């Protein structure tokens, strides 16, 4: 997997390596060859992601992660697997933006390490680029289950278990 990373906030440190780990793990779980695909990642702060969130979602507040798939891959039926990307034609999967401030705040509030929470958000963003979503109920169940499984293989506990 090629991750083209633009780091606007130096606090991100090793985010490019984490993006490689997260995207490769997602691709591995879905049986896709990561080497033929590319993701663009913007590692930024709350000011930048709030502007992006406002521009693209008409929500003026910061968020943890945003994604822009290069093509529509969502399943037509709620809960079914999305259409897989085609090597060659779908080489560029899309863009992800992630905010350091929100990620750090959420990690602290949840008692998680910054690295684990960042990996979760990057797996989440990668799945969005691959057509997964959480708007419809069964799609959300599918996506959350995949996230939990992928993160489990990385040694990270279920992010949706809030016990």
N, C-alpha and C. Protein backbone atom coordinates (compact mmCIF):
# COMPACT_ATOMS: atom_id res chain seq x y z
N UNK A 1 0.85 -1.17 0.00
CA UNK A 1 0.00 0.00 0.00
C UNK A 1 0.89 1.23 0.00
N UNK A 2 0.62 2.10 -0.91
CA UNK A 2 1.33 3.38 -0.92
C UNK A 2 0.47 4.40 -0.20
N UNK A 3 1.01 5.01 0.83
CA UNK A 3 0.33 6.08 1.53
C UNK A 3 1.11 7.36 1.25
N UNK A 4 0.46 8.26 0.52
CA UNK A 4 1.05 9.56 0.23
C UNK A 4 0.63 10.48 1.37
N UNK A 5 1.58 10.84 2.22
CA UNK A 5 1.25 11.54 3.47
C UNK A 5 1.72 12.99 3.44
N UNK A 6 0.80 13.89 3.78
CA UNK A 6 1.13 15.30 3.98
C UNK A 6 0.92 15.58 5.47
N UNK A 7 1.99 15.93 6.15
CA UNK A 7 1.91 16.19 7.59
C UNK A 7 1.94 17.70 7.80
N UNK A 8 0.79 18.25 8.17
CA UNK A 8 0.68 19.68 8.45
C UNK A 8 0.93 19.99 9.93
N UNK A 9 0.79 19.00 10.78
CA UNK A 9 0.99 19.18 12.21
C UNK A 9 2.10 18.24 12.66
N UNK A 10 3.24 18.80 13.04
CA UNK A 10 4.43 18.01 13.37
C UNK A 10 4.22 17.08 14.56
N UNK A 11 3.20 17.32 15.37
CA UNK A 11 2.95 16.44 16.51
C UNK A 11 2.62 15.01 16.07
N UNK A 12 2.25 14.82 14.81
CA UNK A 12 1.86 13.50 14.32
C UNK A 12 3.00 12.49 14.31
N UNK A 13 4.22 12.92 14.23
CA UNK A 13 5.36 12.00 14.31
C UNK A 13 5.29 10.84 13.33
N UNK A 14 4.98 9.64 13.82
CA UNK A 14 5.02 8.40 13.03
C UNK A 14 3.70 8.06 12.34
N UNK A 15 2.87 9.03 12.04
CA UNK A 15 1.55 8.74 11.47
C UNK A 15 1.63 8.01 10.13
N UNK A 16 2.66 8.27 9.35
CA UNK A 16 2.79 7.60 8.06
C UNK A 16 2.97 6.09 8.26
N UNK A 17 3.78 5.70 9.21
CA UNK A 17 3.98 4.28 9.51
C UNK A 17 2.69 3.66 10.03
N UNK A 18 1.97 4.39 10.88
CA UNK A 18 0.69 3.88 11.38
C UNK A 18 -0.32 3.72 10.25
N UNK A 19 -0.32 4.65 9.30
CA UNK A 19 -1.23 4.55 8.16
C UNK A 19 -0.92 3.32 7.32
N UNK A 20 0.36 3.01 7.15
CA UNK A 20 0.76 1.80 6.42
C UNK A 20 0.24 0.56 7.13
N UNK A 21 0.44 0.51 8.44
CA UNK A 21 -0.01 -0.64 9.23
C UNK A 21 -1.52 -0.80 9.12
N UNK A 22 -2.26 0.29 9.33
CA UNK A 22 -3.73 0.24 9.33
C UNK A 22 -4.27 -0.16 7.96
N UNK A 23 -3.78 0.47 6.90
CA UNK A 23 -4.31 0.18 5.58
C UNK A 23 -3.94 -1.22 5.14
N UNK A 24 -2.71 -1.65 5.40
CA UNK A 24 -2.31 -3.02 5.05
C UNK A 24 -3.15 -4.05 5.80
N UNK A 25 -3.44 -3.79 7.06
CA UNK A 25 -4.25 -4.72 7.85
C UNK A 25 -5.67 -4.81 7.28
N UNK A 26 -6.24 -3.69 6.89
CA UNK A 26 -7.59 -3.69 6.31
C UNK A 26 -7.59 -4.46 4.98
N UNK A 27 -6.61 -4.19 4.15
CA UNK A 27 -6.52 -4.88 2.86
C UNK A 27 -6.30 -6.37 3.05
N UNK A 28 -5.44 -6.73 3.99
CA UNK A 28 -5.17 -8.13 4.27
C UNK A 28 -6.46 -8.86 4.67
N UNK A 29 -7.23 -8.24 5.56
CA UNK A 29 -8.48 -8.85 6.01
C UNK A 29 -9.47 -9.04 4.87
N UNK A 30 -9.47 -8.12 3.91
CA UNK A 30 -10.42 -8.19 2.80
C UNK A 30 -9.88 -8.97 1.60
N UNK A 31 -8.67 -9.51 1.73
CA UNK A 31 -8.10 -10.32 0.67
C UNK A 31 -7.70 -9.52 -0.55
N UNK A 32 -7.33 -8.27 -0.35
CA UNK A 32 -6.91 -7.40 -1.45
C UNK A 32 -5.40 -7.20 -1.41
N UNK A 33 -4.79 -7.10 -2.56
CA UNK A 33 -3.34 -6.86 -2.66
C UNK A 33 -3.05 -5.38 -2.45
N UNK A 34 -2.46 -5.01 -1.33
CA UNK A 34 -2.27 -3.59 -1.04
C UNK A 34 -1.29 -2.88 -1.97
N UNK A 35 -0.35 -3.59 -2.55
CA UNK A 35 0.71 -2.92 -3.31
C UNK A 35 0.22 -2.22 -4.56
N UNK A 36 -0.98 -2.50 -5.01
CA UNK A 36 -1.48 -1.88 -6.25
C UNK A 36 -2.41 -0.69 -5.99
N UNK A 37 -2.52 -0.28 -4.73
CA UNK A 37 -3.43 0.81 -4.38
C UNK A 37 -2.69 1.93 -3.66
N UNK A 38 -3.30 3.12 -3.71
CA UNK A 38 -2.72 4.29 -3.07
C UNK A 38 -3.79 5.06 -2.30
N UNK A 39 -3.38 5.57 -1.15
CA UNK A 39 -4.23 6.42 -0.30
C UNK A 39 -3.46 7.70 -0.03
N UNK A 40 -4.16 8.82 -0.03
CA UNK A 40 -3.56 10.09 0.37
C UNK A 40 -4.03 10.42 1.78
N UNK A 41 -3.10 10.82 2.62
CA UNK A 41 -3.40 11.12 4.02
C UNK A 41 -2.94 12.52 4.36
N UNK A 42 -3.85 13.29 4.95
CA UNK A 42 -3.53 14.61 5.49
C UNK A 42 -3.57 14.50 7.01
N UNK A 43 -2.42 14.70 7.65
CA UNK A 43 -2.32 14.67 9.11
C UNK A 43 -2.30 16.12 9.59
N UNK A 44 -3.41 16.54 10.18
CA UNK A 44 -3.57 17.96 10.47
C UNK A 44 -4.03 18.19 11.90
N UNK A 45 -4.54 19.39 12.17
CA UNK A 45 -5.03 19.77 13.50
C UNK A 45 -6.52 20.09 13.42
N UNK A 46 -7.10 20.46 14.54
CA UNK A 46 -8.54 20.74 14.60
C UNK A 46 -8.96 21.92 13.73
N UNK A 47 -8.12 22.93 13.62
CA UNK A 47 -8.48 24.10 12.80
C UNK A 47 -8.68 23.67 11.35
N UNK A 48 -7.73 22.92 10.84
CA UNK A 48 -7.79 22.48 9.44
C UNK A 48 -8.95 21.51 9.20
N UNK A 49 -9.13 20.54 10.10
CA UNK A 49 -10.18 19.54 9.86
C UNK A 49 -11.57 20.16 10.04
N UNK A 50 -11.68 21.17 10.91
CA UNK A 50 -12.97 21.87 11.05
C UNK A 50 -13.33 22.58 9.75
N UNK A 51 -12.33 23.18 9.11
CA UNK A 51 -12.58 23.85 7.83
C UNK A 51 -13.00 22.84 6.77
N UNK A 52 -12.33 21.69 6.73
CA UNK A 52 -12.70 20.63 5.78
C UNK A 52 -14.09 20.09 6.08
N UNK A 53 -14.38 19.88 7.36
CA UNK A 53 -15.69 19.37 7.76
C UNK A 53 -16.80 20.36 7.36
N UNK A 54 -16.52 21.65 7.49
CA UNK A 54 -17.48 22.67 7.09
C UNK A 54 -17.65 22.70 5.57
N UNK A 55 -16.54 22.64 4.85
CA UNK A 55 -16.59 22.68 3.39
C UNK A 55 -17.33 21.49 2.78
N UNK A 56 -17.09 20.31 3.32
CA UNK A 56 -17.61 19.10 2.69
C UNK A 56 -18.85 18.50 3.36
N UNK A 57 -19.07 18.82 4.64
CA UNK A 57 -20.21 18.23 5.34
C UNK A 57 -21.13 19.27 5.97
N UNK A 58 -20.76 20.55 5.79
CA UNK A 58 -21.52 21.66 6.36
C UNK A 58 -21.69 21.53 7.88
N UNK A 59 -20.63 21.03 8.52
CA UNK A 59 -20.55 20.94 9.98
C UNK A 59 -19.34 21.75 10.40
N UNK A 60 -19.55 22.78 11.20
CA UNK A 60 -18.49 23.74 11.48
C UNK A 60 -17.52 23.32 12.59
N UNK A 61 -17.70 22.16 13.17
CA UNK A 61 -16.83 21.74 14.26
C UNK A 61 -15.78 20.73 13.77
N UNK A 62 -14.70 20.59 14.54
CA UNK A 62 -13.70 19.59 14.18
C UNK A 62 -14.25 18.17 14.37
N UNK A 63 -13.63 17.23 13.72
CA UNK A 63 -13.96 15.81 13.86
C UNK A 63 -12.65 15.04 13.87
N UNK A 64 -12.72 13.76 14.14
CA UNK A 64 -11.48 12.98 14.25
C UNK A 64 -10.90 12.61 12.89
N UNK A 65 -11.74 12.10 11.99
CA UNK A 65 -11.25 11.64 10.69
C UNK A 65 -12.31 11.89 9.63
N UNK A 66 -11.86 12.25 8.44
CA UNK A 66 -12.72 12.42 7.28
C UNK A 66 -12.15 11.59 6.14
N UNK A 67 -13.01 11.15 5.25
CA UNK A 67 -12.52 10.40 4.10
C UNK A 67 -13.32 10.77 2.85
N UNK A 68 -12.62 10.70 1.73
CA UNK A 68 -13.21 11.01 0.43
C UNK A 68 -12.84 9.89 -0.55
N UNK A 69 -13.70 8.90 -0.72
CA UNK A 69 -13.40 7.83 -1.67
C UNK A 69 -13.33 8.39 -3.10
N UNK A 70 -12.47 7.80 -3.91
CA UNK A 70 -12.33 8.24 -5.30
C UNK A 70 -13.47 7.76 -6.18
N UNK A 71 -14.22 6.77 -5.70
CA UNK A 71 -15.35 6.23 -6.46
C UNK A 71 -16.39 5.70 -5.48
N UNK A 72 -17.61 5.59 -5.94
CA UNK A 72 -18.69 5.02 -5.13
C UNK A 72 -18.56 3.50 -5.15
N UNK A 73 -18.35 2.90 -3.99
CA UNK A 73 -18.18 1.46 -3.89
C UNK A 73 -19.18 0.83 -2.94
N UNK A 74 -20.07 1.62 -2.37
CA UNK A 74 -21.00 1.12 -1.35
C UNK A 74 -21.91 0.03 -1.90
N UNK A 75 -22.29 -0.88 -1.03
CA UNK A 75 -23.23 -1.94 -1.40
C UNK A 75 -24.62 -1.36 -1.59
N UNK A 76 -25.34 -1.89 -2.54
CA UNK A 76 -26.70 -1.42 -2.80
C UNK A 76 -27.64 -1.84 -1.68
N UNK A 77 -27.37 -3.00 -1.08
CA UNK A 77 -28.23 -3.54 -0.03
C UNK A 77 -27.55 -3.40 1.32
N UNK A 78 -28.28 -2.86 2.28
CA UNK A 78 -27.79 -2.64 3.64
C UNK A 78 -27.21 -3.94 4.22
N UNK A 79 -25.93 -3.89 4.59
CA UNK A 79 -25.28 -5.02 5.24
C UNK A 79 -24.48 -5.92 4.31
N UNK A 80 -24.55 -5.69 3.01
CA UNK A 80 -23.76 -6.49 2.08
C UNK A 80 -22.38 -5.86 1.90
N UNK A 81 -21.45 -6.66 1.40
CA UNK A 81 -20.10 -6.18 1.17
C UNK A 81 -20.09 -5.19 0.00
N UNK A 82 -19.32 -4.12 0.12
CA UNK A 82 -19.19 -3.17 -0.99
C UNK A 82 -18.46 -3.80 -2.18
N UNK A 83 -18.54 -3.11 -3.30
CA UNK A 83 -17.81 -3.55 -4.49
C UNK A 83 -16.32 -3.37 -4.25
N UNK A 84 -15.52 -4.39 -4.50
CA UNK A 84 -14.07 -4.22 -4.28
C UNK A 84 -13.47 -3.33 -5.36
N UNK A 85 -12.40 -2.62 -5.02
CA UNK A 85 -11.73 -1.80 -6.03
C UNK A 85 -11.05 -2.70 -7.06
N UNK A 86 -10.92 -2.20 -8.26
CA UNK A 86 -10.28 -2.93 -9.35
C UNK A 86 -8.84 -2.45 -9.49
N UNK A 87 -7.87 -3.37 -9.33
CA UNK A 87 -6.48 -2.96 -9.53
C UNK A 87 -6.31 -2.33 -10.92
N UNK A 88 -5.50 -1.29 -10.98
CA UNK A 88 -5.29 -0.58 -12.24
C UNK A 88 -6.28 0.55 -12.40
N UNK A 89 -7.55 0.22 -12.49
CA UNK A 89 -8.56 1.25 -12.69
C UNK A 89 -8.80 2.06 -11.41
N UNK A 90 -8.78 1.42 -10.27
CA UNK A 90 -9.06 2.08 -8.99
C UNK A 90 -7.80 2.22 -8.14
N UNK A 91 -6.66 2.44 -8.76
CA UNK A 91 -5.39 2.49 -8.01
C UNK A 91 -5.42 3.54 -6.91
N UNK A 92 -5.94 4.72 -7.21
CA UNK A 92 -6.05 5.78 -6.21
C UNK A 92 -7.39 5.65 -5.52
N UNK A 93 -7.36 5.23 -4.25
CA UNK A 93 -8.61 4.95 -3.53
C UNK A 93 -9.28 6.19 -2.96
N UNK A 94 -8.51 7.24 -2.69
CA UNK A 94 -9.09 8.44 -2.14
C UNK A 94 -8.23 9.05 -1.06
N UNK A 95 -8.85 9.97 -0.33
CA UNK A 95 -8.13 10.78 0.65
C UNK A 95 -8.71 10.61 2.05
N UNK A 96 -7.82 10.68 3.03
CA UNK A 96 -8.19 10.67 4.44
C UNK A 96 -7.54 11.88 5.10
N UNK A 97 -8.28 12.55 5.98
CA UNK A 97 -7.72 13.61 6.83
C UNK A 97 -7.96 13.20 8.28
N UNK A 98 -6.97 13.42 9.12
CA UNK A 98 -7.08 13.05 10.53
C UNK A 98 -6.54 14.19 11.38
N UNK A 99 -7.25 14.51 12.46
CA UNK A 99 -6.88 15.63 13.33
C UNK A 99 -6.19 15.15 14.59
N UNK A 100 -5.01 15.69 14.83
CA UNK A 100 -4.25 15.34 16.03
C UNK A 100 -5.01 15.72 17.29
N UNK A 101 -5.53 16.93 17.33
CA UNK A 101 -6.18 17.42 18.56
C UNK A 101 -7.35 16.55 18.98
N UNK A 102 -8.23 16.25 18.04
CA UNK A 102 -9.41 15.45 18.37
C UNK A 102 -9.01 14.02 18.69
N UNK A 103 -8.08 13.48 17.94
CA UNK A 103 -7.62 12.11 18.20
C UNK A 103 -7.02 12.00 19.60
N UNK A 104 -6.17 12.96 19.95
CA UNK A 104 -5.55 12.94 21.27
C UNK A 104 -6.59 13.08 22.38
N UNK A 105 -7.52 14.00 22.21
CA UNK A 105 -8.57 14.22 23.21
C UNK A 105 -9.41 12.95 23.39
N UNK A 106 -9.83 12.33 22.29
CA UNK A 106 -10.64 11.11 22.37
C UNK A 106 -9.86 9.96 23.02
N UNK A 107 -8.59 9.83 22.68
CA UNK A 107 -7.77 8.77 23.27
C UNK A 107 -7.67 8.95 24.79
N UNK A 108 -7.40 10.18 25.21
CA UNK A 108 -7.31 10.46 26.64
C UNK A 108 -8.63 10.18 27.36
N UNK A 109 -9.74 10.63 26.78
CA UNK A 109 -11.06 10.42 27.38
C UNK A 109 -11.41 8.95 27.50
N UNK A 110 -10.96 8.15 26.52
CA UNK A 110 -11.27 6.71 26.52
C UNK A 110 -10.23 5.88 27.25
N UNK A 111 -9.16 6.52 27.72
CA UNK A 111 -8.10 5.79 28.41
C UNK A 111 -7.33 4.87 27.47
N UNK A 112 -7.18 5.29 26.22
CA UNK A 112 -6.46 4.50 25.22
C UNK A 112 -5.17 5.21 24.85
N UNK A 113 -4.25 4.44 24.30
CA UNK A 113 -3.04 5.08 23.82
C UNK A 113 -3.35 5.84 22.53
N UNK A 114 -2.59 6.88 22.29
CA UNK A 114 -2.74 7.67 21.07
C UNK A 114 -2.51 6.78 19.84
N UNK A 115 -1.52 5.91 19.92
CA UNK A 115 -1.22 5.02 18.79
C UNK A 115 -2.40 4.09 18.48
N UNK A 116 -2.97 3.46 19.50
CA UNK A 116 -4.10 2.56 19.27
C UNK A 116 -5.30 3.30 18.68
N UNK A 117 -5.59 4.47 19.22
CA UNK A 117 -6.74 5.22 18.71
C UNK A 117 -6.50 5.69 17.28
N UNK A 118 -5.27 6.12 17.00
CA UNK A 118 -4.93 6.53 15.63
C UNK A 118 -5.07 5.36 14.67
N UNK A 119 -4.58 4.20 15.06
CA UNK A 119 -4.73 3.01 14.20
C UNK A 119 -6.21 2.73 13.95
N UNK A 120 -7.04 2.84 14.98
CA UNK A 120 -8.47 2.62 14.79
C UNK A 120 -9.05 3.60 13.77
N UNK A 121 -8.74 4.87 13.93
CA UNK A 121 -9.29 5.88 13.02
C UNK A 121 -8.78 5.69 11.59
N UNK A 122 -7.54 5.25 11.44
CA UNK A 122 -7.00 5.01 10.10
C UNK A 122 -7.59 3.76 9.46
N UNK A 123 -7.85 2.72 10.25
CA UNK A 123 -8.57 1.55 9.72
C UNK A 123 -9.97 1.99 9.30
N UNK A 124 -10.63 2.77 10.14
CA UNK A 124 -11.98 3.28 9.86
C UNK A 124 -11.98 4.07 8.55
N UNK A 125 -11.04 5.01 8.40
CA UNK A 125 -10.97 5.80 7.19
C UNK A 125 -10.68 4.96 5.95
N UNK A 126 -9.79 3.99 6.09
CA UNK A 126 -9.48 3.09 4.97
C UNK A 126 -10.72 2.31 4.55
N UNK A 127 -11.47 1.81 5.52
CA UNK A 127 -12.69 1.07 5.18
C UNK A 127 -13.69 1.97 4.45
N UNK A 128 -13.78 3.23 4.84
CA UNK A 128 -14.64 4.17 4.11
C UNK A 128 -14.21 4.28 2.65
N UNK A 129 -12.90 4.36 2.41
CA UNK A 129 -12.41 4.45 1.03
C UNK A 129 -12.76 3.20 0.23
N UNK A 130 -12.93 2.09 0.94
CA UNK A 130 -13.26 0.82 0.28
C UNK A 130 -14.76 0.59 0.17
N UNK A 131 -15.56 1.60 0.52
CA UNK A 131 -17.01 1.50 0.33
C UNK A 131 -17.82 1.15 1.55
N UNK A 132 -17.18 0.96 2.68
CA UNK A 132 -17.91 0.65 3.92
C UNK A 132 -18.42 1.95 4.52
N UNK A 133 -19.55 1.85 5.22
CA UNK A 133 -20.14 3.03 5.83
C UNK A 133 -20.92 2.61 7.07
N UNK A 134 -21.40 3.59 7.81
CA UNK A 134 -22.15 3.30 9.04
C UNK A 134 -23.43 4.12 9.11
N UNK A 135 -23.95 4.51 7.96
CA UNK A 135 -25.21 5.27 7.93
C UNK A 135 -26.39 4.34 8.16
N UNK A 136 -26.43 3.25 7.40
CA UNK A 136 -27.51 2.26 7.56
C UNK A 136 -27.11 1.25 8.63
N UNK A 137 -28.11 0.73 9.35
CA UNK A 137 -27.84 -0.13 10.50
C UNK A 137 -26.98 -1.36 10.20
N UNK A 138 -27.33 -2.13 9.18
CA UNK A 138 -26.59 -3.35 8.88
C UNK A 138 -25.20 -3.04 8.33
N UNK A 139 -25.08 -1.93 7.59
CA UNK A 139 -23.76 -1.50 7.12
C UNK A 139 -22.88 -1.15 8.31
N UNK A 140 -23.45 -0.47 9.30
CA UNK A 140 -22.70 -0.09 10.50
C UNK A 140 -22.23 -1.33 11.25
N UNK A 141 -23.10 -2.31 11.38
CA UNK A 141 -22.73 -3.55 12.06
C UNK A 141 -21.58 -4.24 11.33
N UNK A 142 -21.67 -4.30 10.00
CA UNK A 142 -20.61 -4.92 9.20
C UNK A 142 -19.30 -4.16 9.38
N UNK A 143 -19.35 -2.85 9.26
CA UNK A 143 -18.13 -2.04 9.34
C UNK A 143 -17.50 -2.13 10.73
N UNK A 144 -18.30 -2.01 11.77
CA UNK A 144 -17.77 -2.09 13.13
C UNK A 144 -17.18 -3.46 13.42
N UNK A 145 -17.82 -4.51 12.92
CA UNK A 145 -17.30 -5.86 13.10
C UNK A 145 -15.94 -6.04 12.43
N UNK A 146 -15.82 -5.50 11.21
CA UNK A 146 -14.54 -5.57 10.51
C UNK A 146 -13.47 -4.77 11.24
N UNK A 147 -13.80 -3.58 11.70
CA UNK A 147 -12.84 -2.77 12.45
C UNK A 147 -12.35 -3.53 13.68
N UNK A 148 -13.28 -4.11 14.42
CA UNK A 148 -12.93 -4.85 15.63
C UNK A 148 -12.02 -6.02 15.30
N UNK A 149 -12.34 -6.74 14.24
CA UNK A 149 -11.53 -7.89 13.83
C UNK A 149 -10.14 -7.46 13.39
N UNK A 150 -10.05 -6.45 12.56
CA UNK A 150 -8.76 -5.95 12.07
C UNK A 150 -7.91 -5.44 13.22
N UNK A 151 -8.50 -4.66 14.10
CA UNK A 151 -7.76 -4.13 15.24
C UNK A 151 -7.32 -5.24 16.18
N UNK A 152 -8.18 -6.24 16.35
CA UNK A 152 -7.82 -7.39 17.19
C UNK A 152 -6.57 -8.08 16.69
N UNK A 153 -6.43 -8.20 15.38
CA UNK A 153 -5.23 -8.81 14.80
C UNK A 153 -4.00 -7.94 15.01
N UNK A 154 -4.22 -6.66 15.27
CA UNK A 154 -3.12 -5.75 15.58
C UNK A 154 -2.87 -5.65 17.09
N UNK A 155 -3.61 -6.44 17.87
CA UNK A 155 -3.44 -6.44 19.32
C UNK A 155 -4.15 -5.30 20.03
N UNK A 156 -5.17 -4.73 19.36
CA UNK A 156 -5.92 -3.60 19.92
C UNK A 156 -7.32 -4.08 20.29
N UNK A 157 -7.76 -3.77 21.50
CA UNK A 157 -9.07 -4.22 21.96
C UNK A 157 -10.21 -3.55 21.20
N UNK A 158 -11.37 -4.13 21.29
CA UNK A 158 -12.58 -3.68 20.60
C UNK A 158 -12.88 -2.22 20.96
N UNK A 159 -12.82 -1.31 19.98
CA UNK A 159 -13.05 0.11 20.28
C UNK A 159 -14.51 0.41 20.59
N UNK A 160 -15.41 -0.52 20.27
CA UNK A 160 -16.83 -0.28 20.49
C UNK A 160 -17.33 -0.90 21.80
N UNK A 161 -16.45 -1.61 22.51
CA UNK A 161 -16.80 -2.16 23.81
C UNK A 161 -16.42 -1.12 24.86
N UNK A 162 -17.41 -0.42 25.38
CA UNK A 162 -17.16 0.70 26.29
C UNK A 162 -17.30 0.32 27.76
N UNK A 163 -17.12 -0.94 28.07
CA UNK A 163 -17.21 -1.38 29.47
C UNK A 163 -16.06 -0.90 30.29
